[in-house]
Amino acid sequence: MKNIIQKISRALQVVLIAPIKLPGKALNIIKYIALGLGVIETVLDDKDKKGEEESPPMAEDSSQKEKEVQDEME
């Protein structure tokens, strides 16, 4: 699904950049669709990044706990 959204978004960007004459309403509709797809892409990317970011903080927490244990032993 993510790939399909990216391909549609790229196609709309090409249409918006291309030097072709479009009616005003059609151009506005394309802009809103491109904007909506950009938001959807960002949300999908955030979910992927959020899942990846959850693992490293846990590793940091365990290393902090190990440091605290070592400090207590001293």
N, C-alpha and C. Protein backbone atom coordinates (compact mmCIF):
# COMPACT_ATOMS: atom_id res chain seq x y z
N MET A 1 0.83 -1.19 0.00
CA MET A 1 0.00 0.00 0.00
C MET A 1 0.88 1.26 0.00
N LYS A 2 1.96 1.19 0.78
CA LYS A 2 2.86 2.33 0.88
C LYS A 2 3.46 2.67 -0.49
N ASN A 3 3.84 1.63 -1.25
CA ASN A 3 4.42 1.85 -2.57
C ASN A 3 3.40 2.46 -3.53
N ILE A 4 2.17 2.02 -3.44
CA ILE A 4 1.12 2.55 -4.33
C ILE A 4 0.90 4.03 -4.04
N ILE A 5 0.85 4.39 -2.77
CA ILE A 5 0.65 5.79 -2.39
C ILE A 5 1.81 6.64 -2.88
N GLN A 6 3.03 6.13 -2.76
CA GLN A 6 4.20 6.88 -3.21
C GLN A 6 4.17 7.09 -4.72
N LYS A 7 3.78 6.06 -5.47
CA LYS A 7 3.72 6.17 -6.94
C LYS A 7 2.65 7.17 -7.38
N ILE A 8 1.49 7.13 -6.74
CA ILE A 8 0.42 8.08 -7.07
C ILE A 8 0.87 9.50 -6.73
N SER A 9 1.52 9.65 -5.59
CA SER A 9 2.00 10.96 -5.17
C SER A 9 3.01 11.52 -6.17
N ARG A 10 3.93 10.68 -6.61
CA ARG A 10 4.92 11.12 -7.61
C ARG A 10 4.25 11.52 -8.92
N ALA A 11 3.25 10.73 -9.34
CA ALA A 11 2.54 11.05 -10.58
C ALA A 11 1.83 12.40 -10.47
N LEU A 12 1.22 12.67 -9.33
CA LEU A 12 0.56 13.95 -9.13
C LEU A 12 1.56 15.10 -9.11
N GLN A 13 2.73 14.87 -8.53
CA GLN A 13 3.76 15.90 -8.52
C GLN A 13 4.23 16.22 -9.93
N VAL A 14 4.35 15.19 -10.76
CA VAL A 14 4.74 15.42 -12.15
C VAL A 14 3.68 16.23 -12.88
N VAL A 15 2.41 15.92 -12.65
CA VAL A 15 1.32 16.67 -13.28
C VAL A 15 1.34 18.12 -12.83
N LEU A 16 1.60 18.35 -11.55
CA LEU A 16 1.62 19.72 -11.04
C LEU A 16 2.81 20.52 -11.57
N ILE A 17 3.94 19.86 -11.78
CA ILE A 17 5.14 20.55 -12.25
C ILE A 17 5.12 20.75 -13.77
N ALA A 18 4.46 19.85 -14.48
CA ALA A 18 4.46 19.90 -15.95
C ALA A 18 3.82 21.19 -16.45
N PRO A 19 4.39 21.73 -17.52
CA PRO A 19 3.85 22.98 -18.08
C PRO A 19 2.63 22.74 -18.96
N ILE A 20 1.56 22.21 -18.36
CA ILE A 20 0.33 21.98 -19.12
C ILE A 20 -0.78 22.85 -18.55
N LYS A 21 -1.71 23.19 -19.41
CA LYS A 21 -2.84 24.02 -18.99
C LYS A 21 -3.96 23.12 -18.49
N LEU A 22 -4.36 23.35 -17.26
CA LEU A 22 -5.48 22.62 -16.66
C LEU A 22 -6.49 23.64 -16.16
N PRO A 23 -7.76 23.24 -16.15
CA PRO A 23 -8.75 24.14 -15.56
C PRO A 23 -8.45 24.38 -14.08
N GLY A 24 -8.83 25.52 -13.58
CA GLY A 24 -8.54 25.91 -12.21
C GLY A 24 -9.04 24.92 -11.18
N LYS A 25 -10.26 24.44 -11.36
CA LYS A 25 -10.83 23.50 -10.40
C LYS A 25 -10.07 22.18 -10.40
N ALA A 26 -9.69 21.71 -11.58
CA ALA A 26 -8.95 20.45 -11.67
C ALA A 26 -7.59 20.59 -10.99
N LEU A 27 -6.95 21.72 -11.19
CA LEU A 27 -5.66 21.96 -10.57
C LEU A 27 -5.78 22.00 -9.04
N ASN A 28 -6.81 22.63 -8.54
CA ASN A 28 -7.04 22.67 -7.09
C ASN A 28 -7.31 21.28 -6.52
N ILE A 29 -8.10 20.49 -7.25
CA ILE A 29 -8.39 19.13 -6.80
C ILE A 29 -7.11 18.30 -6.74
N ILE A 30 -6.28 18.42 -7.75
CA ILE A 30 -5.01 17.68 -7.78
C ILE A 30 -4.11 18.11 -6.63
N LYS A 31 -4.09 19.40 -6.34
CA LYS A 31 -3.27 19.90 -5.23
C LYS A 31 -3.74 19.31 -3.90
N TYR A 32 -5.06 19.27 -3.68
CA TYR A 32 -5.59 18.73 -2.43
C TYR A 32 -5.33 17.23 -2.31
N ILE A 33 -5.45 16.51 -3.41
CA ILE A 33 -5.17 15.08 -3.38
C ILE A 33 -3.69 14.84 -3.08
N ALA A 34 -2.81 15.63 -3.71
CA ALA A 34 -1.37 15.50 -3.45
C ALA A 34 -1.06 15.82 -1.99
N LEU A 35 -1.70 16.82 -1.46
CA LEU A 35 -1.50 17.18 -0.05
C LEU A 35 -1.95 16.05 0.87
N GLY A 36 -3.11 15.50 0.59
CA GLY A 36 -3.63 14.40 1.40
C GLY A 36 -2.72 13.18 1.35
N LEU A 37 -2.22 12.86 0.16
CA LEU A 37 -1.31 11.72 0.04
C LEU A 37 -0.01 11.98 0.78
N GLY A 38 0.45 13.22 0.78
CA GLY A 38 1.66 13.57 1.53
C GLY A 38 1.46 13.35 3.02
N VAL A 39 0.29 13.72 3.51
CA VAL A 39 -0.01 13.51 4.93
C VAL A 39 -0.06 12.02 5.25
N ILE A 40 -0.70 11.24 4.38
CA ILE A 40 -0.79 9.79 4.59
C ILE A 40 0.60 9.17 4.58
N GLU A 41 1.46 9.60 3.65
CA GLU A 41 2.83 9.09 3.60
C GLU A 41 3.57 9.39 4.90
N THR A 42 3.40 10.60 5.40
CA THR A 42 4.08 10.99 6.64
C THR A 42 3.60 10.14 7.82
N VAL A 43 2.31 9.89 7.89
CA VAL A 43 1.77 9.07 8.98
C VAL A 43 2.32 7.66 8.89
N LEU A 44 2.36 7.09 7.68
CA LEU A 44 2.89 5.75 7.52
C LEU A 44 4.37 5.70 7.87
N ASP A 45 5.13 6.72 7.48
CA ASP A 45 6.55 6.76 7.79
C ASP A 45 6.77 6.91 9.29
N ASP A 46 5.93 7.71 9.96
CA ASP A 46 6.06 7.90 11.40
C ASP A 46 5.83 6.60 12.15
N LYS A 47 4.87 5.79 11.70
CA LYS A 47 4.62 4.52 12.35
C LYS A 47 5.84 3.61 12.23
N ASP A 48 6.46 3.59 11.04
CA ASP A 48 7.65 2.77 10.84
C ASP A 48 8.80 3.26 11.70
N LYS A 49 9.02 4.56 11.74
CA LYS A 49 10.12 5.12 12.53
C LYS A 49 9.87 4.93 14.02
N LYS A 50 8.61 5.06 14.44
CA LYS A 50 8.29 4.91 15.86
C LYS A 50 8.57 3.49 16.31
N GLY A 51 8.26 2.52 15.48
CA GLY A 51 8.54 1.13 15.81
C GLY A 51 10.04 0.86 15.91
N GLU A 52 10.82 1.51 15.05
CA GLU A 52 12.27 1.33 15.07
C GLU A 52 12.88 2.04 16.27
N GLU A 53 12.32 3.16 16.68
CA GLU A 53 12.88 3.95 17.78
C GLU A 53 12.61 3.33 19.14
N GLU A 54 11.63 2.46 19.24
CA GLU A 54 11.30 1.87 20.53
C GLU A 54 12.40 0.95 21.04
N SER A 55 13.09 0.26 20.16
CA SER A 55 14.12 -0.68 20.58
C SER A 55 15.35 0.00 21.19
N PRO A 56 15.95 1.00 20.56
CA PRO A 56 17.15 1.61 21.14
C PRO A 56 16.96 2.20 22.53
N PRO A 57 15.86 2.88 22.86
CA PRO A 57 15.73 3.39 24.22
C PRO A 57 15.75 2.27 25.26
N MET A 58 15.21 1.12 24.94
CA MET A 58 15.25 0.02 25.88
C MET A 58 16.69 -0.40 26.15
N ALA A 59 17.49 -0.41 25.09
CA ALA A 59 18.90 -0.76 25.23
C ALA A 59 19.60 0.27 26.11
N GLU A 60 19.24 1.54 25.96
CA GLU A 60 19.84 2.59 26.78
C GLU A 60 19.42 2.42 28.24
N ASP A 61 18.16 2.06 28.46
CA ASP A 61 17.68 1.86 29.83
C ASP A 61 18.44 0.74 30.51
N SER A 62 18.67 -0.36 29.78
CA SER A 62 19.38 -1.48 30.39
C SER A 62 20.82 -1.11 30.67
N SER A 63 21.45 -0.32 29.79
CA SER A 63 22.83 0.09 30.05
C SER A 63 22.88 1.04 31.24
N GLN A 64 21.87 1.89 31.41
CA GLN A 64 21.82 2.78 32.56
C GLN A 64 21.64 1.98 33.86
N LYS A 65 20.81 0.94 33.80
CA LYS A 65 20.61 0.11 34.98
C LYS A 65 21.91 -0.60 35.35
N GLU A 66 22.63 -1.06 34.33
CA GLU A 66 23.90 -1.73 34.59
C GLU A 66 24.89 -0.77 35.25
N LYS A 67 24.91 0.48 34.81
CA LYS A 67 25.79 1.48 35.39
C LYS A 67 25.41 1.74 36.86
N GLU A 68 24.10 1.79 37.12
CA GLU A 68 23.65 2.02 38.49
C GLU A 68 24.06 0.86 39.40
N VAL A 69 23.95 -0.36 38.88
CA VAL A 69 24.35 -1.54 39.66
C VAL A 69 25.84 -1.48 39.95
N GLN A 70 26.63 -1.11 38.95
CA GLN A 70 28.08 -1.02 39.13
C GLN A 70 28.41 0.06 40.14
N ASP A 71 27.71 1.18 40.10
CA ASP A 71 27.95 2.26 41.06
C ASP A 71 27.61 1.80 42.49
N GLU A 72 26.53 1.02 42.63
CA GLU A 72 26.15 0.53 43.94
C GLU A 72 27.19 -0.45 44.49
N MET A 73 27.80 -1.22 43.60
CA MET A 73 28.78 -2.21 44.02
C MET A 73 30.05 -1.50 44.53
N GLU A 74 30.35 -0.36 43.97
CA GLU A 74 31.55 0.40 44.38
C GLU A 74 31.29 1.07 45.68
